[in-house]
Amino acid sequence: MTPVDSVLLVAFGGPERPEDIRPFLQIVATGRPIPPARLEDVAHHYEIIGGRSPLNALTRRQGDALAAALAARDRALPVWVGMRNWHPFLHETLAEMKDRGRRRAVGVILSSLQTEASWARYVEDVAAAREKVGPDAPEVVFAPPWADHPRFVDAMADRTRAALDAVEPARRATARLVFTAHSVPVAMAPGSPYAAQLAAAARAIAGRLGRAAWTLAYQSRSGSPRDPWLEPDVSDAIRALAREGARDVVVVPVGFVCDHVEVLYDLDVEARRVAEAAGVAFHRAPAANDHPDFIAMLADLVDRVTER
């Protein structure tokens, strides 16, 4: 068997300049029933958060940190980044890996929860990219799902703890945790462990913090308004908690690996606005980003594959 000689981080991708926004969104929308007006709304959201997505830069930081973590474990491997929807596209990265003589990579999908849209399509896109590169494209052996990995739970518990620390001390104990993930069509959900993984991760994170009360919510739906998607929406969840008397909500984007538009706009702008209108103080935990425990988890995943 060809030994593993590299790591490929597989991410969604995002626009890095204002002029990238609409071409990027057109790629994302290909083959999907997303109304043009919705795409324009999302383009405006990118403009509000600075005309770019930090996802690519954060993913590169994750890659650099992972390479350092692997070297510290005496398992030095080059780490590459490939994107589904923007440069460096997966086929661009695999072509470069091929040119550098790489033959077999550990593929790590940077999506915490599994469903067709968030996992299966990544695998399919890697296969299509390998076919585009040709017969000498590096083989990609995927790391296992990691929603329940203890180090991911540790990273998100630490992120949540930091957000709770920002709540006024007298109200901290009664602040309500709201764990969110990207909504998916109801028709897609039963065929995947997506909702169960979200619930399990939320339960584990809340347990680390000794929190018995917490709420699950979904956000950022993007399909046809005629199709049912997983609920409750985070805005509805916040309003419900306000009616129950909550004074503070701490939103934890456990379904997102990086702080990008779904976090920086959909939560920090839209959900915050809803909370303020409902008389609730809004707090938001960062995504995993390059938290040391998250990087250690990525290294664990690589170890698991290379030790097979």
Protein backbone atom coordinates (compact mmCIF):
# COMPACT_ATOMS: atom_id res chain seq x y z
CA MET A 1 0.00 0.00 0.00
CA THR A 2 1.24 3.48 -0.86
CA PRO A 3 2.11 5.28 2.38
CA VAL A 4 0.35 8.51 3.34
CA ASP A 5 2.55 11.42 2.31
CA SER A 6 0.30 14.45 2.80
CA VAL A 7 -2.91 15.87 4.27
CA LEU A 8 -5.75 17.54 2.37
CA LEU A 9 -8.12 19.81 4.29
CA VAL A 10 -11.40 19.98 2.37
CA ALA A 11 -13.42 23.15 2.99
CA PHE A 12 -16.35 25.03 1.51
CA GLY A 13 -14.46 28.08 0.28
CA GLY A 14 -15.43 31.73 0.25
CA PRO A 15 -14.86 35.01 -1.61
CA GLU A 16 -11.72 36.88 -0.65
CA ARG A 17 -12.47 40.20 -2.43
CA PRO A 18 -15.67 42.15 -3.16
CA GLU A 19 -15.44 41.28 -6.86
CA ASP A 20 -15.38 37.56 -5.95
CA ILE A 21 -18.73 37.60 -4.15
CA ARG A 22 -21.21 37.11 -6.97
CA PRO A 23 -19.09 34.67 -9.01
CA PHE A 24 -18.65 32.64 -5.83
CA LEU A 25 -22.38 32.64 -5.12
CA GLN A 26 -23.13 31.53 -8.67
CA ILE A 27 -20.87 28.51 -8.16
CA VAL A 28 -22.54 27.69 -4.84
CA ALA A 29 -25.99 27.95 -6.41
CA THR A 30 -25.26 25.76 -9.43
CA GLY A 31 -27.92 23.06 -9.65
CA ARG A 32 -29.76 24.28 -6.56
CA PRO A 33 -33.21 25.95 -6.45
CA ILE A 34 -32.01 29.16 -4.80
CA PRO A 35 -34.00 32.24 -5.85
CA PRO A 36 -31.85 35.01 -7.39
CA ALA A 37 -33.18 37.46 -4.81
CA ARG A 38 -31.79 35.25 -2.06
CA LEU A 39 -28.35 35.30 -3.71
CA GLU A 40 -28.47 39.08 -3.85
CA ASP A 41 -29.39 39.16 -0.17
CA VAL A 42 -26.37 36.99 0.66
CA ALA A 43 -24.12 39.14 -1.54
CA HIS A 44 -25.24 42.12 0.53
CA HIS A 45 -24.48 40.20 3.72
CA TYR A 46 -20.89 39.71 2.52
CA GLU A 47 -20.65 43.41 1.79
CA ILE A 48 -21.82 44.23 5.31
CA ILE A 49 -19.14 42.04 6.91
CA GLY A 50 -16.35 43.63 4.88
CA GLY A 51 -16.71 42.36 1.31
CA ARG A 52 -14.97 39.07 1.89
CA SER A 53 -15.13 35.82 3.83
CA PRO A 54 -12.50 35.00 6.44
CA LEU A 55 -13.06 31.27 5.79
CA ASN A 56 -10.14 30.78 3.41
CA ALA A 57 -7.67 32.60 5.66
CA LEU A 58 -8.90 30.69 8.71
CA THR A 59 -8.60 27.39 6.86
CA ARG A 60 -5.03 28.22 5.89
CA ARG A 61 -4.33 28.99 9.54
CA GLN A 62 -5.81 25.63 10.49
CA GLY A 63 -3.56 23.96 7.92
CA ASP A 64 -0.44 25.71 9.17
CA ALA A 65 -1.26 24.86 12.77
CA LEU A 66 -1.98 21.24 11.86
CA ALA A 67 1.35 20.91 10.06
CA ALA A 68 3.11 22.21 13.18
CA ALA A 69 1.13 19.86 15.43
CA LEU A 70 2.01 16.85 13.27
CA ALA A 71 5.68 17.84 13.23
CA ALA A 72 5.59 18.06 17.03
CA ARG A 73 4.34 14.45 17.06
CA ASP A 74 7.25 13.34 14.83
CA ARG A 75 4.77 12.77 12.01
CA ALA A 76 5.68 15.67 9.75
CA LEU A 77 3.41 15.84 6.69
CA PRO A 78 2.69 18.72 4.34
CA VAL A 79 -0.86 20.04 4.70
CA TRP A 80 -2.78 21.30 1.68
CA VAL A 81 -6.09 23.13 1.44
CA GLY A 82 -8.69 22.48 -1.26
CA MET A 83 -12.02 24.28 -1.62
CA ARG A 84 -15.30 23.10 -3.08
CA ASN A 85 -16.49 26.47 -4.30
CA TRP A 86 -13.53 28.84 -4.68
CA HIS A 87 -9.79 29.01 -5.20
CA PRO A 88 -7.85 26.96 -4.53
CA PHE A 89 -10.42 24.57 -6.00
CA LEU A 90 -9.95 20.92 -5.14
CA HIS A 91 -8.69 20.09 -8.62
CA GLU A 92 -6.17 22.94 -8.44
CA THR A 93 -4.82 21.68 -5.13
CA LEU A 94 -4.71 18.04 -6.24
CA ALA A 95 -2.90 19.04 -9.44
CA GLU A 96 -0.28 20.88 -7.41
CA MET A 97 0.06 17.93 -5.05
CA LYS A 98 0.55 15.65 -8.04
CA ASP A 99 3.23 17.97 -9.44
CA ARG A 100 5.01 17.83 -6.07
CA GLY A 101 5.04 14.03 -6.20
CA ARG A 102 2.33 13.42 -3.61
CA ARG A 103 0.53 10.13 -4.07
CA ARG A 104 -1.67 9.44 -1.04
CA ALA A 105 -3.31 12.00 1.26
CA VAL A 106 -5.45 11.92 4.36
CA GLY A 107 -8.58 13.90 3.50
CA VAL A 108 -10.17 15.76 6.40
CA ILE A 109 -13.61 17.19 5.71
CA LEU A 110 -14.00 20.42 7.64
CA SER A 111 -17.66 19.94 8.40
CA SER A 112 -18.64 18.95 11.90
CA LEU A 113 -22.01 17.36 11.10
CA GLN A 114 -22.86 14.80 8.44
CA THR A 115 -25.54 15.12 5.82
CA GLU A 116 -25.64 14.87 2.07
CA ALA A 117 -24.91 18.58 1.65
CA SER A 118 -22.21 18.79 4.30
CA TRP A 119 -20.35 15.51 3.82
CA ALA A 120 -21.36 13.33 0.86
CA ARG A 121 -20.95 16.18 -1.61
CA TYR A 122 -17.45 16.85 -0.34
CA VAL A 123 -16.52 13.24 -1.01
CA GLU A 124 -18.12 13.41 -4.47
CA ASP A 125 -16.31 16.65 -5.28
CA VAL A 126 -12.96 15.18 -4.31
CA ALA A 127 -13.63 12.22 -6.59
CA ALA A 128 -14.59 14.57 -9.45
CA ALA A 129 -11.48 16.67 -8.86
CA ARG A 130 -9.25 13.58 -8.94
CA GLU A 131 -10.84 12.54 -12.22
CA LYS A 132 -10.20 16.01 -13.63
CA VAL A 133 -6.53 15.85 -12.63
CA GLY A 134 -6.10 12.46 -14.23
CA PRO A 135 -4.84 8.96 -13.44
CA ASP A 136 -1.85 10.18 -11.40
CA ALA A 137 -3.97 12.29 -9.05
CA PRO A 138 -3.19 11.60 -5.41
CA GLU A 139 -5.39 9.03 -3.74
CA VAL A 140 -7.45 10.53 -0.88
CA VAL A 141 -8.25 8.42 2.17
CA PHE A 142 -10.84 10.17 4.31
CA ALA A 143 -10.59 10.62 8.03
CA PRO A 144 -13.68 9.49 9.98
CA PRO A 145 -16.46 11.83 11.13
CA TRP A 146 -15.54 13.81 14.19
CA ALA A 147 -18.65 15.51 15.64
CA ASP A 148 -18.25 13.52 18.86
CA HIS A 149 -14.47 13.78 19.12
CA PRO A 150 -13.56 14.76 22.71
CA ARG A 151 -11.09 17.42 21.56
CA PHE A 152 -13.76 19.10 19.41
CA VAL A 153 -16.07 19.08 22.40
CA ASP A 154 -13.26 20.54 24.52
CA ALA A 155 -12.61 23.30 21.98
CA MET A 156 -16.26 24.30 21.75
CA ALA A 157 -16.75 24.07 25.51
CA ASP A 158 -13.83 26.47 25.93
CA ARG A 159 -15.30 28.82 23.30
CA THR A 160 -18.66 28.69 25.08
CA ARG A 161 -17.08 29.27 28.48
CA ALA A 162 -15.38 32.40 27.17
CA ALA A 163 -18.71 33.70 25.86
CA LEU A 164 -20.39 32.98 29.19
CA ASP A 165 -17.63 34.93 30.93
CA ALA A 166 -18.82 38.02 29.05
CA VAL A 167 -22.26 37.77 30.69
CA GLU A 168 -22.77 39.90 33.79
CA PRO A 169 -21.75 37.72 36.74
CA ALA A 170 -25.09 38.07 38.49
CA ARG A 171 -26.90 36.75 35.39
CA ARG A 172 -24.36 34.20 34.16
CA ALA A 173 -25.95 31.16 35.80
CA THR A 174 -29.28 31.80 34.08
CA ALA A 175 -27.91 32.62 30.62
CA ARG A 176 -29.40 30.24 28.06
CA LEU A 177 -27.24 28.30 25.62
CA VAL A 178 -28.47 28.01 22.04
CA PHE A 179 -26.55 25.56 19.84
CA THR A 180 -26.92 26.18 16.11
CA ALA A 181 -26.16 24.48 12.82
CA HIS A 182 -27.00 25.25 9.21
CA SER A 183 -30.55 24.15 8.46
CA VAL A 184 -31.07 21.48 5.82
CA PRO A 185 -34.22 20.37 3.96
CA VAL A 186 -36.51 18.17 6.02
CA ALA A 187 -36.49 15.66 3.16
CA MET A 188 -32.70 15.32 3.45
CA ALA A 189 -32.47 15.01 7.23
CA PRO A 190 -33.82 11.47 7.84
CA GLY A 191 -31.13 9.92 5.65
CA SER A 192 -28.28 11.29 7.74
CA PRO A 193 -27.11 11.54 11.36
CA TYR A 194 -27.04 15.36 11.09
CA ALA A 195 -29.68 16.26 13.70
CA ALA A 196 -28.58 13.49 16.08
CA GLN A 197 -24.94 14.62 15.84
CA LEU A 198 -25.94 18.21 16.60
CA ALA A 199 -27.91 17.12 19.64
CA ALA A 200 -25.11 14.87 20.88
CA ALA A 201 -22.46 17.57 20.46
CA ALA A 202 -24.64 20.13 22.25
CA ARG A 203 -25.30 17.71 25.10
CA ALA A 204 -21.59 16.97 25.48
CA ILE A 205 -20.55 20.64 25.40
CA ALA A 206 -23.26 21.64 27.87
CA GLY A 207 -22.23 18.74 30.07
CA ARG A 208 -18.62 19.95 30.15
CA LEU A 209 -19.95 23.26 31.45
CA GLY A 210 -22.42 21.80 33.93
CA ARG A 211 -25.38 23.28 32.05
CA ALA A 212 -28.59 21.28 32.22
CA ALA A 213 -30.73 23.67 30.15
CA TRP A 214 -29.92 24.30 26.49
CA THR A 215 -31.68 24.75 23.18
CA LEU A 216 -31.09 23.46 19.64
CA ALA A 217 -31.77 25.73 16.68
CA TYR A 218 -31.06 25.99 12.98
CA GLN A 219 -30.05 28.92 10.85
CA SER A 220 -29.09 30.20 7.40
CA ARG A 221 -31.61 28.26 5.30
CA SER A 222 -31.02 28.97 1.64
CA GLY A 223 -33.40 26.92 -0.49
CA SER A 224 -36.85 27.47 -1.94
CA PRO A 225 -39.22 29.04 0.62
CA ARG A 226 -41.80 26.42 -0.44
CA ASP A 227 -39.72 23.54 0.94
CA PRO A 228 -39.74 22.72 4.66
CA TRP A 229 -36.35 22.91 6.40
CA LEU A 230 -35.25 21.87 9.86
CA GLU A 231 -36.53 24.12 12.63
CA PRO A 232 -36.69 26.00 14.94
CA ASP A 233 -34.91 28.90 13.33
CA VAL A 234 -32.49 30.57 15.71
CA SER A 235 -34.52 33.79 15.65
CA ASP A 236 -37.66 31.92 16.70
CA ALA A 237 -35.68 30.11 19.41
CA ILE A 238 -34.42 33.41 20.81
CA ARG A 239 -37.94 34.89 20.84
CA ALA A 240 -39.24 31.80 22.64
CA LEU A 241 -36.53 32.07 25.30
CA ALA A 242 -37.36 35.74 25.75
CA ARG A 243 -41.00 34.82 26.38
CA GLU A 244 -39.79 32.35 29.00
CA GLY A 245 -37.98 35.17 30.78
CA ALA A 246 -34.40 34.71 29.57
CA ARG A 247 -32.28 37.83 29.89
CA ASP A 248 -29.15 36.52 28.13
CA VAL A 249 -28.61 34.05 25.31
CA VAL A 250 -25.25 32.58 24.35
CA VAL A 251 -25.37 31.28 20.78
CA VAL A 252 -22.86 28.51 20.01
CA PRO A 253 -22.34 27.80 16.27
CA VAL A 254 -21.35 24.19 16.80
CA GLY A 255 -22.23 23.29 13.21
CA PHE A 256 -19.64 25.70 11.77
CA VAL A 257 -15.88 25.24 11.78
CA CYS A 258 -14.98 28.87 10.98
CA ASP A 259 -16.42 32.29 11.68
CA HIS A 260 -17.69 33.16 8.22
CA VAL A 261 -20.81 34.80 6.77
CA GLU A 262 -23.31 32.45 8.41
CA VAL A 263 -21.78 33.37 11.75
CA LEU A 264 -20.67 36.97 11.19
CA TYR A 265 -23.91 38.07 9.55
CA ASP A 266 -26.66 35.55 10.23
CA LEU A 267 -25.83 35.45 13.94
CA ASP A 268 -23.87 38.61 14.77
CA VAL A 269 -26.19 40.89 12.79
CA GLU A 270 -29.57 39.21 12.24
CA ALA A 271 -29.90 37.09 15.38
CA ARG A 272 -28.44 39.87 17.51
CA ARG A 273 -31.07 42.26 16.12
CA VAL A 274 -33.84 39.80 17.01
CA ALA A 275 -32.46 39.36 20.53
CA GLU A 276 -32.25 43.10 21.13
CA ALA A 277 -35.81 43.60 19.87
CA ALA A 278 -36.94 40.88 22.29
CA GLY A 279 -35.11 42.50 25.20
CA VAL A 280 -32.46 39.79 25.47
CA ALA A 281 -28.69 40.37 25.67
CA PHE A 282 -26.96 38.52 22.82
CA HIS A 283 -23.63 36.74 23.24
CA ARG A 284 -21.94 34.51 20.69
CA ALA A 285 -19.24 31.89 21.12
CA PRO A 286 -16.60 31.81 18.37
CA ALA A 287 -16.46 28.82 16.06
CA ALA A 288 -13.62 26.36 16.52
CA ASN A 289 -11.36 28.26 14.08
CA ASP A 290 -7.77 27.43 15.07
CA HIS A 291 -8.40 26.64 18.74
CA PRO A 292 -5.52 24.43 20.00
CA ASP A 293 -7.87 21.60 20.96
CA PHE A 294 -9.43 21.65 17.50
CA ILE A 295 -6.00 21.50 15.88
CA ALA A 296 -5.07 18.61 18.17
CA MET A 297 -8.25 16.86 17.06
CA LEU A 298 -7.25 17.26 13.40
CA ALA A 299 -3.87 15.75 14.24
CA ASP A 300 -5.63 12.85 16.00
CA LEU A 301 -7.68 12.21 12.86
CA VAL A 302 -4.55 12.12 10.71
CA ASP A 303 -2.90 9.78 13.20
CA ARG A 304 -5.90 7.47 13.08
CA VAL A 305 -5.63 7.10 9.31
CA THR A 306 -1.85 6.80 9.10
CA GLU A 307 -1.79 4.13 11.80
CA ARG A 308 -4.20 1.83 9.92
